[in-house]
Amino acid sequence: MAEQTALPESTGATGALSAGPPTPAVPSPAPDKPDAAVVRDALAVGIAVGLSGFAFGVTAAGSGLSLLQICALSLFVFTGASQFALVGALAAGGNPYTAAAGAFFLGVRNAFYGLRLSQLLVLPRAVRPLAAHWVIDETTAVTVAQPTRRAARIGFTVTGLTLYVLWNLTTLVGAMGAEALGDTEAWGLDAASPAVFLALLAPMLRSTTERVTAGVAVLLALTLLPVLPAGVPVLLSALAAPVVLFLMGRRKRGAVTASPEKTTETKGGRDS
């Protein structure tokens, strides 16, 4: 009886036979991250950003808001960029409704963050309304960076709790201490709101499209600032997003259309 030789599953040569279908690659599980490391990162973000509430309290007091109004903004709005935009427009003499509209449109982004975080956290239904109040830039950044659901929940909770408590405390201290500081312009605190806003925004600009959109928005705001009431340039600068997306879309479609033409020319040249 002839001796049978087993074929190797893979020889690495062209045309080699295989004993069976290749085994699909199994994705390696995400590495666990110690809870202590998650808490450390979350506390670092919460404390660093929470201290900015002092600048908001001083700036808001300088814009003419009362202590109760300032604290209510931090307690119930709790989104730094929108709060700074509101008090900045009011300080410049803008219409309250225009200032509120600008703050609202800046805060809309949190709704899109919530769609993503709801898939990562999968919180009980009873907790979701409370968690939604903490859906902001910082909690989103910490949550999406975690490798597991447990780490994501810890990161979201610690960041949200730390930032919420510290932001409101420093807002109160800043608002109460505004009178002792006197003129905020003498201390340079009038520049605190745009500085903090840029510090929050800059790390989010990762792609070319995002950077171009931000640049066009800045140019629109600076161009319209001298000719329009305070608060209106911020609203109109939002037009940068659809304009840039439209132009980038046209550019991509043009590139896709040009590619088949080049392929056809190349094939034609070979056939000839």
Protein backbone atom coordinates (compact mmCIF):
# COMPACT_ATOMS: atom_id res chain seq x y z
CA MET A 1 0.00 0.00 0.00
CA ALA A 2 1.45 3.30 -1.07
CA GLU A 3 2.47 5.61 1.70
CA GLN A 4 0.37 8.77 1.92
CA THR A 5 2.05 12.14 2.38
CA ALA A 6 0.11 14.90 4.12
CA LEU A 7 0.07 18.21 2.30
CA PRO A 8 1.04 21.27 4.27
CA GLU A 9 -1.71 23.79 4.81
CA SER A 10 0.35 26.55 3.30
CA THR A 11 3.63 26.32 1.36
CA GLY A 12 4.04 30.00 0.59
CA ALA A 13 4.56 29.22 -3.15
CA THR A 14 2.33 30.32 -5.97
CA GLY A 15 -0.28 27.73 -6.87
CA ALA A 16 0.32 25.63 -3.76
CA LEU A 17 -2.54 23.47 -2.60
CA SER A 18 -4.23 24.07 0.71
CA ALA A 19 -5.69 21.40 2.93
CA GLY A 20 -8.61 23.63 3.83
CA PRO A 21 -9.85 27.18 4.00
CA PRO A 22 -7.54 29.60 5.79
CA THR A 23 -8.30 30.21 9.42
CA PRO A 24 -9.72 33.72 9.88
CA ALA A 25 -7.61 36.00 11.98
CA VAL A 26 -9.11 36.49 15.42
CA PRO A 27 -8.86 40.12 16.56
CA SER A 28 -6.97 40.46 19.79
CA PRO A 29 -9.07 41.79 22.66
CA ALA A 30 -8.49 45.34 23.79
CA PRO A 31 -5.94 45.47 26.60
CA ASP A 32 -7.33 46.17 30.03
CA LYS A 33 -6.51 49.50 31.63
CA PRO A 34 -6.19 49.64 35.42
CA ASP A 35 -8.98 51.52 37.14
CA ALA A 36 -6.40 53.67 38.94
CA ALA A 37 -4.97 54.83 35.61
CA VAL A 38 -8.41 55.76 34.31
CA VAL A 39 -9.20 57.70 37.48
CA ARG A 40 -5.85 59.49 37.29
CA ASP A 41 -6.40 60.61 33.69
CA ALA A 42 -9.98 61.66 34.40
CA LEU A 43 -8.99 63.68 37.46
CA ALA A 44 -6.23 65.42 35.50
CA VAL A 45 -8.70 66.58 32.85
CA GLY A 46 -11.40 67.51 35.34
CA ILE A 47 -9.13 69.57 37.56
CA ALA A 48 -7.30 71.31 34.69
CA VAL A 49 -10.50 72.45 32.99
CA GLY A 50 -12.53 72.94 36.18
CA LEU A 51 -10.21 75.72 37.33
CA SER A 52 -11.27 77.74 34.27
CA GLY A 53 -14.59 78.34 36.01
CA PHE A 54 -12.86 81.11 37.95
CA ALA A 55 -12.20 83.02 34.72
CA PHE A 56 -15.80 82.49 33.67
CA GLY A 57 -17.14 83.81 36.96
CA VAL A 58 -15.02 86.96 36.72
CA THR A 59 -15.85 87.54 33.06
CA ALA A 60 -19.56 86.96 33.61
CA ALA A 61 -19.61 89.40 36.53
CA GLY A 62 -17.87 91.96 34.36
CA SER A 63 -20.56 91.56 31.69
CA GLY A 64 -23.26 92.69 34.15
CA LEU A 65 -24.79 89.38 35.20
CA SER A 66 -25.83 88.89 38.82
CA LEU A 67 -24.33 86.25 41.10
CA LEU A 68 -27.50 84.14 40.83
CA GLN A 69 -27.50 84.31 37.03
CA ILE A 70 -23.82 83.37 36.83
CA CYS A 71 -24.19 80.37 39.11
CA ALA A 72 -27.34 79.26 37.30
CA LEU A 73 -25.46 79.22 33.99
CA SER A 74 -22.78 76.91 35.37
CA LEU A 75 -25.29 74.69 37.16
CA PHE A 76 -27.82 74.23 34.37
CA VAL A 77 -25.97 75.01 31.14
CA PHE A 78 -22.60 73.51 32.05
CA THR A 79 -20.82 73.78 28.73
CA GLY A 80 -17.88 76.13 28.93
CA ALA A 81 -17.69 77.26 25.31
CA SER A 82 -21.37 78.21 25.23
CA GLN A 83 -21.14 80.02 28.55
CA PHE A 84 -18.11 82.03 27.47
CA ALA A 85 -19.76 82.86 24.13
CA LEU A 86 -22.86 84.12 25.93
CA VAL A 87 -21.09 86.39 28.42
CA GLY A 88 -18.63 87.54 25.76
CA ALA A 89 -21.45 88.74 23.51
CA LEU A 90 -23.21 90.41 26.44
CA ALA A 91 -19.99 92.13 27.54
CA ALA A 92 -19.58 93.53 24.03
CA GLY A 93 -23.06 95.03 24.19
CA GLY A 94 -24.80 92.41 22.10
CA ASN A 95 -28.51 91.64 22.15
CA PRO A 96 -29.35 89.00 24.80
CA TYR A 97 -31.36 86.93 22.31
CA THR A 98 -28.52 86.95 19.79
CA ALA A 99 -26.05 86.00 22.51
CA ALA A 100 -28.30 83.16 23.65
CA ALA A 101 -28.70 81.92 20.08
CA GLY A 102 -24.95 81.79 19.60
CA ALA A 103 -24.52 79.87 22.84
CA PHE A 104 -27.27 77.46 21.83
CA PHE A 105 -25.71 76.61 18.48
CA LEU A 106 -22.34 76.00 20.12
CA GLY A 107 -24.00 73.62 22.55
CA VAL A 108 -25.74 71.59 19.84
CA ARG A 109 -22.55 69.59 19.31
CA ASN A 110 -23.13 67.89 22.67
CA ALA A 111 -26.18 66.15 21.22
CA PHE A 112 -23.94 64.40 18.68
CA TYR A 113 -21.50 63.48 21.43
CA GLY A 114 -24.41 61.89 23.27
CA LEU A 115 -25.20 59.61 20.33
CA ARG A 116 -21.70 58.20 20.44
CA LEU A 117 -21.46 57.94 24.23
CA SER A 118 -24.80 56.15 24.49
CA GLN A 119 -23.28 53.27 22.50
CA LEU A 120 -20.13 53.16 24.59
CA LEU A 121 -21.63 53.50 28.05
CA VAL A 122 -25.00 51.70 27.68
CA LEU A 123 -26.27 53.22 30.92
CA PRO A 124 -29.57 52.27 32.60
CA ARG A 125 -32.54 54.27 31.34
CA ALA A 126 -33.11 55.96 34.70
CA VAL A 127 -29.54 57.33 34.76
CA ARG A 128 -29.41 58.67 31.19
CA PRO A 129 -31.08 62.07 31.82
CA LEU A 130 -28.57 62.83 34.58
CA ALA A 131 -25.63 61.58 32.52
CA ALA A 132 -26.73 63.68 29.55
CA HIS A 133 -26.00 66.82 31.56
CA TRP A 134 -22.34 65.80 31.74
CA VAL A 135 -21.95 65.16 28.02
CA ILE A 136 -19.39 67.82 27.07
CA ASP A 137 -16.07 67.98 25.23
CA GLU A 138 -13.92 66.78 28.11
CA THR A 139 -16.05 63.83 29.24
CA THR A 140 -16.40 62.70 25.63
CA ALA A 141 -12.65 62.86 25.03
CA VAL A 142 -11.86 60.81 28.15
CA THR A 143 -14.62 58.26 27.48
CA VAL A 144 -13.82 57.45 23.85
CA ALA A 145 -10.14 56.98 24.71
CA GLN A 146 -10.86 54.01 27.00
CA PRO A 147 -10.38 50.41 25.77
CA THR A 148 -13.29 48.79 27.64
CA ARG A 149 -16.80 49.67 28.69
CA ARG A 150 -15.90 49.52 32.36
CA ALA A 151 -13.03 51.97 31.83
CA ALA A 152 -15.28 54.21 29.73
CA ARG A 153 -17.89 54.38 32.49
CA ILE A 154 -15.28 55.15 35.12
CA GLY A 155 -13.66 57.81 32.96
CA PHE A 156 -16.99 59.46 32.16
CA THR A 157 -18.17 59.47 35.78
CA VAL A 158 -14.95 60.73 37.35
CA THR A 159 -14.39 63.40 34.70
CA GLY A 160 -17.99 64.60 34.83
CA LEU A 161 -18.21 64.68 38.62
CA THR A 162 -14.83 66.37 39.12
CA LEU A 163 -15.42 68.95 36.43
CA TYR A 164 -19.00 69.72 37.46
CA VAL A 165 -18.16 70.27 41.13
CA LEU A 166 -14.96 72.21 40.53
CA TRP A 167 -16.38 74.33 37.71
CA ASN A 168 -19.31 75.46 39.81
CA LEU A 169 -17.17 76.17 42.87
CA THR A 170 -14.64 78.23 40.93
CA THR A 171 -17.46 80.02 39.11
CA LEU A 172 -18.86 81.09 42.48
CA VAL A 173 -15.44 82.18 43.73
CA GLY A 174 -14.72 84.11 40.54
CA ALA A 175 -18.07 85.88 40.56
CA MET A 176 -17.76 86.82 44.24
CA GLY A 177 -14.19 87.99 43.82
CA ALA A 178 -14.84 90.09 40.71
CA GLU A 179 -15.56 93.20 42.77
CA ALA A 180 -12.31 92.82 44.70
CA LEU A 181 -10.34 92.46 41.48
CA GLY A 182 -11.83 95.61 39.99
CA ASP A 183 -11.45 96.16 36.25
CA THR A 184 -10.93 92.76 34.57
CA GLU A 185 -9.11 94.39 31.66
CA ALA A 186 -6.39 95.60 34.02
CA TRP A 187 -5.71 91.97 34.96
CA GLY A 188 -6.02 90.68 31.43
CA LEU A 189 -9.02 88.55 32.39
CA ASP A 190 -11.03 89.99 29.51
CA ALA A 191 -8.98 87.66 27.29
CA ALA A 192 -9.69 84.62 29.46
CA SER A 193 -12.82 83.50 27.62
CA PRO A 194 -11.33 83.35 24.09
CA ALA A 195 -8.11 81.82 25.45
CA VAL A 196 -9.97 79.02 27.23
CA PHE A 197 -12.22 78.44 24.22
CA LEU A 198 -9.20 78.10 21.91
CA ALA A 199 -7.53 75.75 24.39
CA LEU A 200 -10.61 73.51 24.31
CA LEU A 201 -10.95 73.67 20.53
CA ALA A 202 -7.35 73.25 19.35
CA PRO A 203 -6.89 69.55 20.28
CA MET A 204 -10.06 68.69 18.36
CA LEU A 205 -8.73 70.00 15.03
CA ARG A 206 -7.04 66.86 13.74
CA SER A 207 -7.96 66.60 10.06
CA THR A 208 -7.32 69.04 7.23
CA THR A 209 -11.05 69.63 6.80
CA GLU A 210 -11.45 70.61 10.47
CA ARG A 211 -8.48 72.99 10.34
CA VAL A 212 -9.70 74.65 7.14
CA THR A 213 -13.20 75.01 8.60
CA ALA A 214 -11.83 76.63 11.75
CA GLY A 215 -9.67 78.99 9.70
CA VAL A 216 -12.56 80.09 7.49
CA ALA A 217 -14.77 80.58 10.56
CA VAL A 218 -12.14 82.81 12.18
CA LEU A 219 -11.81 84.90 9.01
CA LEU A 220 -15.58 85.31 8.77
CA ALA A 221 -15.89 86.35 12.40
CA LEU A 222 -13.02 88.85 12.22
CA THR A 223 -14.32 90.33 8.98
CA LEU A 224 -17.88 90.74 10.20
CA LEU A 225 -17.03 91.86 13.74
CA PRO A 226 -16.59 95.58 12.91
CA VAL A 227 -19.80 95.85 10.87
CA LEU A 228 -22.34 93.66 12.71
CA PRO A 229 -23.74 93.71 16.27
CA ALA A 230 -21.99 91.61 18.92
CA GLY A 231 -22.99 87.95 18.75
CA VAL A 232 -24.03 87.99 15.10
CA PRO A 233 -20.53 87.31 13.67
CA VAL A 234 -20.33 84.13 15.79
CA LEU A 235 -23.59 82.87 14.31
CA LEU A 236 -22.59 83.68 10.74
CA SER A 237 -19.16 82.11 11.15
CA ALA A 238 -20.97 78.77 11.46
CA LEU A 239 -21.52 79.04 7.69
CA ALA A 240 -17.87 78.03 7.30
CA ALA A 241 -18.75 74.37 7.91
CA PRO A 242 -21.21 73.83 5.01
CA VAL A 243 -19.08 75.96 2.67
CA VAL A 244 -15.90 73.98 3.34
CA LEU A 245 -17.72 70.63 3.19
CA PHE A 246 -19.28 71.60 -0.15
CA LEU A 247 -15.93 72.63 -1.65
CA MET A 248 -14.15 69.54 -0.30
CA GLY A 249 -16.94 67.35 -1.69
CA ARG A 250 -16.61 68.92 -5.14
CA ARG A 251 -12.86 68.39 -5.04
CA LYS A 252 -13.23 64.71 -4.15
CA ARG A 253 -15.86 64.16 -6.86
CA GLY A 254 -13.56 65.80 -9.38
CA ALA A 255 -10.71 63.52 -8.38
CA VAL A 256 -12.91 60.42 -8.66
CA THR A 257 -14.15 61.53 -12.09
CA ALA A 258 -10.61 62.14 -13.33
CA SER A 259 -9.36 58.72 -12.22
CA PRO A 260 -11.44 56.60 -14.66
CA GLU A 261 -10.38 58.88 -17.51
CA LYS A 262 -6.71 58.32 -16.70
CA THR A 263 -7.30 54.57 -16.44
CA THR A 264 -9.00 54.52 -19.86
CA GLU A 265 -6.15 56.48 -21.45
CA THR A 266 -3.60 54.07 -19.98
CA LYS A 267 -5.44 51.01 -21.26
CA GLY A 268 -5.82 52.58 -24.67
CA GLY A 269 -2.11 53.29 -24.87
CA ARG A 270 -1.26 49.68 -24.02
CA ASP A 271 -3.70 48.26 -26.58
CA SER A 272 -2.22 50.40 -29.30
